[in-house]
Amino acid sequence: MPNISTVPNLKSAPLNIRIRQEQRNMIEKAARILDKTVSDFVRDAALRDAENTLLDRTNFHLESEAWELFNQALNTPPVENASLRNLMLRKPVWGK
Protein backbone atom coordinates (compact mmCIF):
# COMPACT_ATOMS: atom_id res chain seq x y z
CA MET A 1 0.00 0.00 0.00
CA PRO A 2 1.50 3.41 -0.92
CA ASN A 3 2.23 5.83 1.88
CA ILE A 4 0.54 9.23 1.99
CA SER A 5 3.47 11.06 0.42
CA THR A 6 3.37 8.87 -2.72
CA VAL A 7 -0.36 9.21 -3.45
CA PRO A 8 -0.73 11.46 -6.52
CA ASN A 9 -2.82 14.65 -6.28
CA LEU A 10 -3.36 14.25 -2.55
CA LYS A 11 -3.33 18.03 -2.10
CA SER A 12 -6.36 18.40 -4.35
CA ALA A 13 -8.53 15.89 -2.49
CA PRO A 14 -11.17 18.01 -0.74
CA LEU A 15 -12.31 17.43 2.82
CA ASN A 16 -15.44 19.33 3.79
CA ILE A 17 -16.60 19.87 7.36
CA ARG A 18 -19.39 21.86 8.94
CA ILE A 19 -18.54 24.06 11.91
CA ARG A 20 -20.19 26.92 13.76
CA GLN A 21 -19.13 30.44 12.82
CA GLU A 22 -17.42 31.05 16.17
CA GLN A 23 -15.33 27.92 15.63
CA ARG A 24 -14.35 29.12 12.17
CA ASN A 25 -13.43 32.53 13.59
CA MET A 26 -11.15 30.89 16.15
CA ILE A 27 -9.48 28.73 13.50
CA GLU A 28 -8.98 31.73 11.22
CA LYS A 29 -7.45 33.75 14.07
CA ALA A 30 -5.06 30.95 14.99
CA ALA A 31 -4.10 30.43 11.34
CA ARG A 32 -3.30 34.16 10.97
CA ILE A 33 -1.13 34.07 14.10
CA LEU A 34 0.90 31.23 12.57
CA ASP A 35 0.88 32.89 9.15
CA LYS A 36 -0.86 29.88 7.61
CA THR A 37 -3.88 29.49 5.40
CA VAL A 38 -6.96 28.05 7.06
CA SER A 39 -6.57 24.93 4.92
CA ASP A 40 -2.94 24.47 5.98
CA PHE A 41 -3.79 25.10 9.63
CA VAL A 42 -6.71 22.64 9.69
CA ARG A 43 -4.79 20.00 7.69
CA ASP A 44 -1.75 20.26 9.98
CA ALA A 45 -3.88 20.07 13.13
CA ALA A 46 -5.91 17.12 11.83
CA LEU A 47 -2.81 15.22 10.73
CA ARG A 48 -1.07 15.87 14.06
CA ASP A 49 -4.10 14.57 15.96
CA ALA A 50 -4.48 11.58 13.63
CA GLU A 51 -0.82 10.66 14.07
CA ASN A 52 -1.06 10.94 17.87
CA THR A 53 -4.22 8.81 17.88
CA LEU A 54 -2.55 6.12 15.81
CA LEU A 55 0.67 6.23 17.83
CA ASP A 56 -1.33 5.76 21.04
CA ARG A 57 -2.61 2.49 19.64
CA THR A 58 0.64 1.14 18.24
CA ASN A 59 1.83 -2.22 19.51
CA PHE A 60 5.38 -2.70 20.65
CA HIS A 61 7.25 -5.90 21.36
CA LEU A 62 9.81 -6.60 24.06
CA GLU A 63 12.08 -9.53 24.77
CA SER A 64 11.04 -11.59 27.81
CA GLU A 65 13.49 -9.94 30.21
CA ALA A 66 12.59 -6.42 29.08
CA TRP A 67 8.88 -7.29 29.34
CA GLU A 68 9.34 -8.44 32.93
CA LEU A 69 11.20 -5.23 33.82
CA PHE A 70 8.52 -3.17 32.11
CA ASN A 71 5.74 -4.90 34.05
CA GLN A 72 7.70 -4.58 37.28
CA ALA A 73 8.00 -0.84 36.71
CA LEU A 74 4.27 -0.56 36.02
CA ASN A 75 3.35 -2.57 39.10
CA THR A 76 5.71 -0.80 41.50
CA PRO A 77 3.88 1.80 43.58
CA PRO A 78 5.19 5.33 43.11
CA VAL A 79 7.66 6.73 45.61
CA GLU A 80 6.08 9.26 47.97
CA ASN A 81 6.87 12.77 46.79
CA ALA A 82 5.63 15.44 49.20
CA SER A 83 6.47 18.30 46.84
CA LEU A 84 4.53 16.75 43.99
CA ARG A 85 1.57 15.97 46.26
CA ASN A 86 1.58 19.61 47.47
CA LEU A 87 1.69 20.86 43.88
CA MET A 88 -1.23 18.66 42.86
CA LEU A 89 -3.31 19.90 45.80
CA ARG A 90 -2.84 23.58 44.90
CA LYS A 91 -5.56 25.43 43.06
CA PRO A 92 -4.31 26.29 39.55
CA VAL A 93 -3.60 29.92 38.71
CA TRP A 94 -6.30 29.94 36.03
CA GLY A 95 -8.85 28.69 38.59
CA LYS A 96 -8.34 31.52 41.05
PDB file of N, CA and C in Angstrom:
ATOM      1  N   MET A   1       0.845  -1.173   0.000  1.00  0.00           N
ATOM      2  CA  MET A   1       0.000   0.000   0.000  1.00  0.00           C
ATOM      3  C   MET A   1       0.890   1.234   0.000  1.00  0.00           C
ATOM      4  N   PRO A   2       0.647   2.227  -0.865  1.00  0.00           N
ATOM      5  CA  PRO A   2       1.500   3.411  -0.918  1.00  0.00           C
ATOM      6  C   PRO A   2       1.306   4.265   0.329  1.00  0.00           C
ATOM      7  N   ASN A   3       2.391   4.945   0.737  1.00  0.00           N
ATOM      8  CA  ASN A   3       2.230   5.832   1.878  1.00  0.00           C
ATOM      9  C   ASN A   3       1.636   7.154   1.394  1.00  0.00           C
ATOM     10  N   ILE A   4       1.245   7.994   2.322  1.00  0.00           N
ATOM     11  CA  ILE A   4       0.539   9.232   1.992  1.00  0.00           C
ATOM     12  C   ILE A   4       1.346  10.111   1.059  1.00  0.00           C
ATOM     13  N   SER A   5       2.658  10.158   1.226  1.00  0.00           N
ATOM     14  CA  SER A   5       3.474  11.057   0.417  1.00  0.00           C
ATOM     15  C   SER A   5       3.591  10.608  -1.037  1.00  0.00           C
ATOM     16  N   THR A   6       3.246   9.342  -1.346  1.00  0.00           N
ATOM     17  CA  THR A   6       3.367   8.871  -2.724  1.00  0.00           C
ATOM     18  C   THR A   6       2.040   8.845  -3.466  1.00  0.00           C
ATOM     19  N   VAL A   7       0.943   9.195  -2.797  1.00  0.00           N
ATOM     20  CA  VAL A   7      -0.357   9.208  -3.453  1.00  0.00           C
ATOM     21  C   VAL A   7      -0.442  10.455  -4.323  1.00  0.00           C
ATOM     22  N   PRO A   8      -0.685  10.295  -5.636  1.00  0.00           N
ATOM     23  CA  PRO A   8      -0.733  11.460  -6.518  1.00  0.00           C
ATOM     24  C   PRO A   8      -1.941  12.345  -6.217  1.00  0.00           C
ATOM     25  N   ASN A   9      -1.757  13.662  -6.410  1.00  0.00           N
ATOM     26  CA  ASN A   9      -2.819  14.648  -6.279  1.00  0.00           C
ATOM     27  C   ASN A   9      -3.487  14.657  -4.916  1.00  0.00           C
ATOM     28  N   LEU A  10      -2.775  14.272  -3.889  1.00  0.00           N
ATOM     29  CA  LEU A  10      -3.355  14.254  -2.551  1.00  0.00           C
ATOM     30  C   LEU A  10      -3.786  15.649  -2.127  1.00  0.00           C
ATOM     31  N   LYS A  11      -3.013  16.668  -2.515  1.00  0.00           N
ATOM     32  CA  LYS A  11      -3.327  18.026  -2.102  1.00  0.00           C
ATOM     33  C   LYS A  11      -4.675  18.484  -2.638  1.00  0.00           C
ATOM     34  N   SER A  12      -5.112  17.942  -3.763  1.00  0.00           N
ATOM     35  CA  SER A  12      -6.360  18.404  -4.353  1.00  0.00           C
ATOM     36  C   SER A  12      -7.578  17.618  -3.869  1.00  0.00           C
ATOM     37  N   ALA A  13      -7.402  16.653  -2.997  1.00  0.00           N
ATOM     38  CA  ALA A  13      -8.533  15.885  -2.489  1.00  0.00           C
ATOM     39  C   ALA A  13      -9.254  16.705  -1.422  1.00  0.00           C
ATOM     40  N   PRO A  14     -10.473  17.151  -1.699  1.00  0.00           N
ATOM     41  CA  PRO A  14     -11.168  18.010  -0.741  1.00  0.00           C
ATOM     42  C   PRO A  14     -11.663  17.243   0.480  1.00  0.00           C
ATOM     43  N   LEU A  15     -11.739  17.949   1.578  1.00  0.00           N
ATOM     44  CA  LEU A  15     -12.313  17.434   2.816  1.00  0.00           C
ATOM     45  C   LEU A  15     -13.207  18.536   3.349  1.00  0.00           C
ATOM     46  N   ASN A  16     -14.490  18.313   3.367  1.00  0.00           N
ATOM     47  CA  ASN A  16     -15.438  19.334   3.792  1.00  0.00           C
ATOM     48  C   ASN A  16     -15.964  19.017   5.176  1.00  0.00           C
ATOM     49  N   ILE A  17     -16.034  20.026   6.019  1.00  0.00           N
ATOM     50  CA  ILE A  17     -16.598  19.869   7.359  1.00  0.00           C
ATOM     51  C   ILE A  17     -17.554  21.017   7.629  1.00  0.00           C
ATOM     52  N   ARG A  18     -18.479  20.794   8.529  1.00  0.00           N
ATOM     53  CA  ARG A  18     -19.390  21.855   8.945  1.00  0.00           C
ATOM     54  C   ARG A  18     -19.039  22.247  10.371  1.00  0.00           C
ATOM     55  N   ILE A  19     -18.856  23.543  10.577  1.00  0.00           N
ATOM     56  CA  ILE A  19     -18.538  24.059  11.906  1.00  0.00           C
ATOM     57  C   ILE A  19     -19.339  25.326  12.140  1.00  0.00           C
ATOM     58  N   ARG A  20     -19.497  25.681  13.411  1.00  0.00           N
ATOM     59  CA  ARG A  20     -20.188  26.923  13.758  1.00  0.00           C
ATOM     60  C   ARG A  20     -19.283  28.105  13.428  1.00  0.00           C
ATOM     61  N   GLN A  21     -19.889  29.255  13.216  1.00  0.00           N
ATOM     62  CA  GLN A  21     -19.134  30.436  12.817  1.00  0.00           C
ATOM     63  C   GLN A  21     -18.081  30.819  13.848  1.00  0.00           C
ATOM     64  N   GLU A  22     -18.404  30.689  15.142  1.00  0.00           N
ATOM     65  CA  GLU A  22     -17.419  31.054  16.171  1.00  0.00           C
ATOM     66  C   GLU A  22     -16.219  30.113  16.145  1.00  0.00           C
ATOM     67  N   GLN A  23     -16.443  28.852  15.769  1.00  0.00           N
ATOM     68  CA  GLN A  23     -15.334  27.920  15.633  1.00  0.00           C
ATOM     69  C   GLN A  23     -14.464  28.314  14.441  1.00  0.00           C
ATOM     70  N   ARG A  24     -15.101  28.690  13.343  1.00  0.00           N
ATOM     71  CA  ARG A  24     -14.352  29.122  12.165  1.00  0.00           C
ATOM     72  C   ARG A  24     -13.538  30.375  12.483  1.00  0.00           C
ATOM     73  N   ASN A  25     -14.143  31.305  13.218  1.00  0.00           N
ATOM     74  CA  ASN A  25     -13.434  32.530  13.589  1.00  0.00           C
ATOM     75  C   ASN A  25     -12.180  32.209  14.399  1.00  0.00           C
ATOM     76  N   MET A  26     -12.305  31.264  15.326  1.00  0.00           N
ATOM     77  CA  MET A  26     -11.151  30.894  16.151  1.00  0.00           C
ATOM     78  C   MET A  26     -10.059  30.260  15.296  1.00  0.00           C
ATOM     79  N   ILE A  27     -10.455  29.383  14.388  1.00  0.00           N
ATOM     80  CA  ILE A  27      -9.484  28.733  13.503  1.00  0.00           C
ATOM     81  C   ILE A  27      -8.795  29.767  12.622  1.00  0.00           C
ATOM     82  N   GLU A  28      -9.558  30.694  12.074  1.00  0.00           N
ATOM     83  CA  GLU A  28      -8.978  31.732  11.220  1.00  0.00           C
ATOM     84  C   GLU A  28      -7.989  32.599  12.003  1.00  0.00           C
ATOM     85  N   LYS A  29      -8.342  32.933  13.236  1.00  0.00           N
ATOM     86  CA  LYS A  29      -7.454  33.748  14.071  1.00  0.00           C
ATOM     87  C   LYS A  29      -6.143  33.008  14.355  1.00  0.00           C
ATOM     88  N   ALA A  30      -6.253  31.741  14.708  1.00  0.00           N
ATOM     89  CA  ALA A  30      -5.057  30.946  14.990  1.00  0.00           C
ATOM     90  C   ALA A  30      -4.202  30.784  13.736  1.00  0.00           C
ATOM     91  N   ALA A  31      -4.836  30.576  12.601  1.00  0.00           N
ATOM     92  CA  ALA A  31      -4.097  30.433  11.340  1.00  0.00           C
ATOM     93  C   ALA A  31      -3.336  31.715  11.021  1.00  0.00           C
ATOM     94  N   ARG A  32      -3.980  32.869  11.225  1.00  0.00           N
ATOM     95  CA  ARG A  32      -3.304  34.155  10.973  1.00  0.00           C
ATOM     96  C   ARG A  32      -2.094  34.327  11.882  1.00  0.00           C
ATOM     97  N   ILE A  33      -2.240  33.945  13.145  1.00  0.00           N
ATOM     98  CA  ILE A  33      -1.130  34.070  14.097  1.00  0.00           C
ATOM     99  C   ILE A  33       0.075  33.257  13.624  1.00  0.00           C
ATOM    100  N   LEU A  34      -0.185  32.089  13.054  1.00  0.00           N
ATOM    101  CA  LEU A  34       0.895  31.229  12.567  1.00  0.00           C
ATOM    102  C   LEU A  34       1.263  31.504  11.115  1.00  0.00           C
ATOM    103  N   ASP A  35       0.635  32.517  10.541  1.00  0.00           N
ATOM    104  CA  ASP A  35       0.877  32.891   9.146  1.00  0.00           C
ATOM    105  C   ASP A  35       0.655  31.701   8.212  1.00  0.00           C
ATOM    106  N   LYS A  36      -0.481  31.023   8.428  1.00  0.00           N
ATOM    107  CA  LYS A  36      -0.865  29.879   7.607  1.00  0.00           C
ATOM    108  C   LYS A  36      -2.230  30.156   6.998  1.00  0.00           C
ATOM    109  N   THR A  37      -2.515  29.454   5.920  1.00  0.00           N
ATOM    110  CA  THR A  37      -3.878  29.488   5.401  1.00  0.00           C
ATOM    111  C   THR A  37      -4.748  28.641   6.326  1.00  0.00           C
ATOM    112  N   VAL A  38      -6.053  28.866   6.259  1.00  0.00           N
ATOM    113  CA  VAL A  38      -6.962  28.051   7.063  1.00  0.00           C
ATOM    114  C   VAL A  38      -6.824  26.581   6.672  1.00  0.00           C
ATOM    115  N   SER A  39      -6.730  26.318   5.372  1.00  0.00           N
ATOM    116  CA  SER A  39      -6.574  24.928   4.918  1.00  0.00           C
ATOM    117  C   SER A  39      -5.314  24.289   5.492  1.00  0.00           C
ATOM    118  N   ASP A  40      -4.191  25.010   5.437  1.00  0.00           N
ATOM    119  CA  ASP A  40      -2.944  24.472   5.983  1.00  0.00           C
ATOM    120  C   ASP A  40      -3.056  24.246   7.488  1.00  0.00           C
ATOM    121  N   PHE A  41      -3.659  25.207   8.186  1.00  0.00           N
ATOM    122  CA  PHE A  41      -3.795  25.104   9.634  1.00  0.00           C
ATOM    123  C   PHE A  41      -4.639  23.890  10.012  1.00  0.00           C
ATOM    124  N   VAL A  42      -5.805  23.749   9.375  1.00  0.00           N
ATOM    125  CA  VAL A  42      -6.713  22.645   9.688  1.00  0.00           C
ATOM    126  C   VAL A  42      -6.075  21.314   9.302  1.00  0.00           C
ATOM    127  N   ARG A  43      -5.445  21.247   8.120  1.00  0.00           N
ATOM    128  CA  ARG A  43      -4.795  20.005   7.694  1.00  0.00           C
ATOM    129  C   ARG A  43      -3.705  19.600   8.685  1.00  0.00           C
ATOM    130  N   ASP A  44      -2.844  20.570   9.061  1.00  0.00           N
ATOM    131  CA  ASP A  44      -1.748  20.258   9.981  1.00  0.00           C
ATOM    132  C   ASP A  44      -2.281  19.779  11.329  1.00  0.00           C
ATOM    133  N   ALA A  45      -3.312  20.452  11.839  1.00  0.00           N
ATOM    134  CA  ALA A  45      -3.880  20.069  13.131  1.00  0.00           C
ATOM    135  C   ALA A  45      -4.521  18.681  13.054  1.00  0.00           C
ATOM    136  N   ALA A  46      -5.253  18.421  11.985  1.00  0.00           N
ATOM    137  CA  ALA A  46      -5.913  17.121  11.834  1.00  0.00           C
ATOM    138  C   ALA A  46      -4.888  16.003  11.694  1.00  0.00           C
ATOM    139  N   LEU A  47      -3.849  16.236  10.902  1.00  0.00           N
ATOM    140  CA  LEU A  47      -2.815  15.219  10.728  1.00  0.00           C
ATOM    141  C   LEU A  47      -2.053  14.960  12.024  1.00  0.00           C
ATOM    142  N   ARG A  48      -1.768  16.027  12.776  1.00  0.00           N
ATOM    143  CA  ARG A  48      -1.071  15.868  14.056  1.00  0.00           C
ATOM    144  C   ARG A  48      -1.923  15.027  15.013  1.00  0.00           C
ATOM    145  N   ASP A  49      -3.221  15.320  15.078  1.00  0.00           N
ATOM    146  CA  ASP A  49      -4.100  14.572  15.961  1.00  0.00           C
ATOM    147  C   ASP A  49      -4.265  13.130  15.488  1.00  0.00           C
ATOM    148  N   ALA A  50      -4.363  12.933  14.177  1.00  0.00           N
ATOM    149  CA  ALA A  50      -4.480  11.578  13.631  1.00  0.00           C
ATOM    150  C   ALA A  50      -3.232  10.758  13.955  1.00  0.00           C
ATOM    151  N   GLU A  51      -2.072  11.373  13.782  1.00  0.00           N
ATOM    152  CA  GLU A  51      -0.822  10.664  14.073  1.00  0.00           C
ATOM    153  C   GLU A  51      -0.744  10.297  15.553  1.00  0.00           C
ATOM    154  N   ASN A  52      -1.089  11.231  16.432  1.00  0.00           N
ATOM    155  CA  ASN A  52      -1.062  10.941  17.867  1.00  0.00           C
ATOM    156  C   ASN A  52      -2.045   9.836  18.232  1.00  0.00           C
ATOM    157  N   THR A  53      -3.225   9.857  17.634  1.00  0.00           N
ATOM    158  CA  THR A  53      -4.223   8.815  17.884  1.00  0.00           C
ATOM    159  C   THR A  53      -3.687   7.454  17.473  1.00  0.00           C
ATOM    160  N   LEU A  54      -3.086   7.397  16.294  1.00  0.00           N
ATOM    161  CA  LEU A  54      -2.551   6.122  15.815  1.00  0.00           C
ATOM    162  C   LEU A  54      -1.358   5.666  16.638  1.00  0.00           C
ATOM    163  N   LEU A  55      -0.495   6.597  17.024  1.00  0.00           N
ATOM    164  CA  LEU A  55       0.672   6.228  17.834  1.00  0.00           C
ATOM    165  C   LEU A  55       0.255   5.702  19.207  1.00  0.00           C
ATOM    166  N   ASP A  56      -0.844   6.240  19.748  1.00  0.00           N
ATOM    167  CA  ASP A  56      -1.328   5.763  21.045  1.00  0.00           C
ATOM    168  C   ASP A  56      -1.814   4.326  20.990  1.00  0.00           C
ATOM    169  N   ARG A  57      -2.076   3.837  19.793  1.00  0.00           N
ATOM    170  CA  ARG A  57      -2.607   2.493  19.642  1.00  0.00           C
ATOM    171  C   ARG A  57      -1.630   1.557  18.931  1.00  0.00           C
ATOM    172  N   THR A  58      -0.382   1.945  18.902  1.00  0.00           N
ATOM    173  CA  THR A  58       0.637   1.136  18.244  1.00  0.00           C
ATOM    174  C   THR A  58       1.147   0.073  19.209  1.00  0.00           C
ATOM    175  N   ASN A  59       1.283  -1.113  18.703  1.00  0.00           N
ATOM    176  CA  ASN A  59       1.834  -2.215  19.508  1.00  0.00           C
ATOM    177  C   ASN A  59       3.347  -2.120  19.541  1.00  0.00           C
ATOM    178  N   PHE A  60       3.927  -2.575  20.598  1.00  0.00           N
ATOM    179  CA  PHE A  60       5.376  -2.703  20.653  1.00  0.00           C
ATOM    180  C   PHE A  60       5.710  -4.045  21.281  1.00  0.00           C
ATOM    181  N   HIS A  61       6.849  -4.570  20.911  1.00  0.00           N
ATOM    182  CA  HIS A  61       7.248  -5.899  21.359  1.00  0.00           C
ATOM    183  C   HIS A  61       8.549  -5.793  22.155  1.00  0.00           C
ATOM    184  N   LEU A  62       8.612  -6.569  23.221  1.00  0.00           N
ATOM    185  CA  LEU A  62       9.812  -6.599  24.063  1.00  0.00           C
ATOM    186  C   LEU A  62      10.261  -8.046  24.241  1.00  0.00           C
ATOM    187  N   GLU A  63      11.556  -8.220  24.405  1.00  0.00           N
ATOM    188  CA  GLU A  63      12.084  -9.529  24.770  1.00  0.00           C
ATOM    189  C   GLU A  63      11.579  -9.870  26.170  1.00  0.00           C
ATOM    190  N   SER A  64      11.604 -11.129  26.528  1.00  0.00           N
ATOM    191  CA  SER A  64      11.035 -11.585  27.810  1.00  0.00           C
ATOM    192  C   SER A  64      11.579 -10.815  29.007  1.00  0.00           C
ATOM    193  N   GLU A  65      12.885 -10.630  29.060  1.00  0.00           N
ATOM    194  CA  GLU A  65      13.491  -9.940  30.212  1.00  0.00           C
ATOM    195  C   GLU A  65      13.038  -8.479  30.267  1.00  0.00           C
ATOM    196  N   ALA A  66      13.030  -7.815  29.127  1.00  0.00           N
ATOM    197  CA  ALA A  66      12.591  -6.417  29.080  1.00  0.00           C
ATOM    198  C   ALA A  66      11.112  -6.305  29.442  1.00  0.00           C
ATOM    199  N   TRP A  67      10.301  -7.285  29.017  1.00  0.00           N
ATOM    200  CA  TRP A  67       8.880  -7.292  29.337  1.00  0.00           C
ATOM    201  C   TRP A  67       8.678  -7.420  30.848  1.00  0.00           C
ATOM    202  N   GLU A  68       9.441  -8.272  31.478  1.00  0.00           N
ATOM    203  CA  GLU A  68       9.344  -8.436  32.932  1.00  0.00           C
ATOM    204  C   GLU A  68       9.716  -7.133  33.656  1.00  0.00           C
ATOM    205  N   LEU A  69      10.796  -6.501  33.211  1.00  0.00           N
ATOM    206  CA  LEU A  69      11.202  -5.233  33.823  1.00  0.00           C
ATOM    207  C   LEU A  69      10.149  -4.155  33.606  1.00  0.00           C
ATOM    208  N   PHE A  70       9.569  -4.132  32.425  1.00  0.00           N
ATOM    209  CA  PHE A  70       8.519  -3.167  32.114  1.00  0.00           C
ATOM    210  C   PHE A  70       7.319  -3.374  33.040  1.00  0.00           C
ATOM    211  N   ASN A  71       6.870  -4.610  33.172  1.00  0.00           N
ATOM    212  CA  ASN A  71       5.740  -4.905  34.050  1.00  0.00           C
ATOM    213  C   ASN A  71       6.059  -4.601  35.505  1.00  0.00           C
ATOM    214  N   GLN A  72       7.277  -4.884  35.913  1.00  0.00           N
ATOM    215  CA  GLN A  72       7.695  -4.585  37.281  1.00  0.00           C
ATOM    216  C   GLN A  72       7.612  -3.084  37.539  1.00  0.00           C
ATOM    217  N   ALA A  73       8.067  -2.295  36.572  1.00  0.00           N
ATOM    218  CA  ALA A  73       8.004  -0.841  36.715  1.00  0.00           C
ATOM    219  C   ALA A  73       6.553  -0.358  36.794  1.00  0.00           C
ATOM    220  N   LEU A  74       5.681  -0.950  35.989  1.00  0.00           N
ATOM    221  CA  LEU A  74       4.270  -0.562  36.019  1.00  0.00           C
ATOM    222  C   LEU A  74       3.595  -0.945  37.334  1.00  0.00           C
ATOM    223  N   ASN A  75       3.997  -2.058  37.896  1.00  0.00           N
ATOM    224  CA  ASN A  75       3.348  -2.565  39.102  1.00  0.00           C
ATOM    225  C   ASN A  75       3.954  -2.035  40.399  1.00  0.00           C
ATOM    226  N   THR A  76       5.072  -1.355  40.313  1.00  0.00           N
ATOM    227  CA  THR A  76       5.708  -0.805  41.502  1.00  0.00           C
ATOM    228  C   THR A  76       4.993   0.489  41.906  1.00  0.00           C
ATOM    229  N   PRO A  77       4.546   0.574  43.149  1.00  0.00           N
ATOM    230  CA  PRO A  77       3.876   1.804  43.582  1.00  0.00           C
ATOM    231  C   PRO A  77       4.833   2.993  43.485  1.00  0.00           C
ATOM    232  N   PRO A  78       4.313   4.159  43.205  1.00  0.00           N
ATOM    233  CA  PRO A  78       5.192   5.330  43.111  1.00  0.00           C
ATOM    234  C   PRO A  78       5.806   5.676  44.457  1.00  0.00           C
ATOM    235  N   VAL A  79       6.978   6.279  44.397  1.00  0.00           N
ATOM    236  CA  VAL A  79       7.657   6.732  45.606  1.00  0.00           C
ATOM    237  C   VAL A  79       6.940   7.985  46.098  1.00  0.00           C
ATOM    238  N   GLU A  80       6.744   8.089  47.399  1.00  0.00           N
ATOM    239  CA  GLU A  80       6.084   9.265  47.971  1.00  0.00           C
ATOM    240  C   GLU A  80       6.895  10.504  47.650  1.00  0.00           C
ATOM    241  N   ASN A  81       6.216  11.515  47.154  1.00  0.00           N
ATOM    242  CA  ASN A  81       6.866  12.772  46.789  1.00  0.00           C
ATOM    243  C   ASN A  81       6.010  13.904  47.349  1.00  0.00           C
ATOM    244  N   ALA A  82       6.413  14.415  48.515  1.00  0.00           N
ATOM    245  CA  ALA A  82       5.625  15.444  49.202  1.00  0.00           C
ATOM    246  C   ALA A  82       5.485  16.705  48.357  1.00  0.00           C
ATOM    247  N   SER A  83       6.534  17.091  47.658  1.00  0.00           N
ATOM    248  CA  SER A  83       6.471  18.304  46.837  1.00  0.00           C
ATOM    249  C   SER A  83       5.462  18.145  45.703  1.00  0.00           C
ATOM    250  N   LEU A  84       5.471  16.996  45.067  1.00  0.00           N
ATOM    251  CA  LEU A  84       4.525  16.751  43.986  1.00  0.00           C
ATOM    252  C   LEU A  84       3.103  16.691  44.526  1.00  0.00           C
ATOM    253  N   ARG A  85       2.906  16.037  45.653  1.00  0.00           N
ATOM    254  CA  ARG A  85       1.571  15.973  46.264  1.00  0.00           C
ATOM    255  C   ARG A  85       1.077  17.383  46.583  1.00  0.00           C
ATOM    256  N   ASN A  86       1.937  18.232  47.144  1.00  0.00           N
ATOM    257  CA  ASN A  86       1.579  19.611  47.466  1.00  0.00           C
ATOM    258  C   ASN A  86       1.194  20.370  46.202  1.00  0.00           C
ATOM    259  N   LEU A  87       1.971  20.197  45.143  1.00  0.00           N
ATOM    260  CA  LEU A  87       1.686  20.863  43.879  1.00  0.00           C
ATOM    261  C   LEU A  87       0.323  20.436  43.340  1.00  0.00           C
ATOM    262  N   MET A  88       0.029  19.157  43.393  1.00  0.00           N
ATOM    263  CA  MET A  88      -1.235  18.658  42.858  1.00  0.00           C
ATOM    264  C   MET A  88      -2.433  19.102  43.695  1.00  0.00           C
ATOM    265  N   LEU A  89      -2.210  19.435  44.936  1.00  0.00           N
ATOM    266  CA  LEU A  89      -3.307  19.896  45.796  1.00  0.00           C
ATOM    267  C   LEU A  89      -3.585  21.388  45.666  1.00  0.00           C
ATOM    268  N   ARG A  90      -2.651  22.133  45.069  1.00  0.00           N
ATOM    269  CA  ARG A  90      -2.844  23.575  44.901  1.00  0.00           C
ATOM    270  C   ARG A  90      -3.888  23.875  43.853  1.00  0.00           C
ATOM    271  N   LYS A  91      -4.600  24.970  44.064  1.00  0.00           N
ATOM    272  CA  LYS A  91      -5.562  25.433  43.064  1.00  0.00           C
ATOM    273  C   LYS A  91      -4.768  26.076  41.921  1.00  0.00           C
ATOM    274  N   PRO A  92      -5.068  25.712  40.672  1.00  0.00           N
ATOM    275  CA  PRO A  92      -4.309  26.286  39.553  1.00  0.00           C
ATOM    276  C   PRO A  92      -4.530  27.785  39.421  1.00  0.00           C
ATOM    277  N   VAL A  93      -3.544  28.469  38.873  1.00  0.00           N
ATOM    278  CA  VAL A  93      -3.596  29.916  38.713  1.00  0.00           C
ATOM    279  C   VAL A  93      -4.836  30.327  37.927  1.00  0.00           C
ATOM    280  N   TRP A  94      -5.158  29.568  36.868  1.00  0.00           N
ATOM    281  CA  TRP A  94      -6.302  29.940  36.033  1.00  0.00           C
ATOM    282  C   TRP A  94      -7.629  29.667  36.731  1.00  0.00           C
ATOM    283  N   GLY A  95      -7.613  28.972  37.861  1.00  0.00           N
ATOM    284  CA  GLY A  95      -8.845  28.686  38.585  1.00  0.00           C
ATOM    285  C   GLY A  95      -9.096  29.634  39.734  1.00  0.00           C
ATOM    286  N   LYS A  96      -8.191  30.584  39.934  1.00  0.00           N
ATOM    287  CA  LYS A  96      -8.338  31.520  41.054  1.00  0.00           C
ATOM    288  C   LYS A  96      -9.226  32.671  40.692  1.00  0.00           C
TER     289      LYS A  96
END
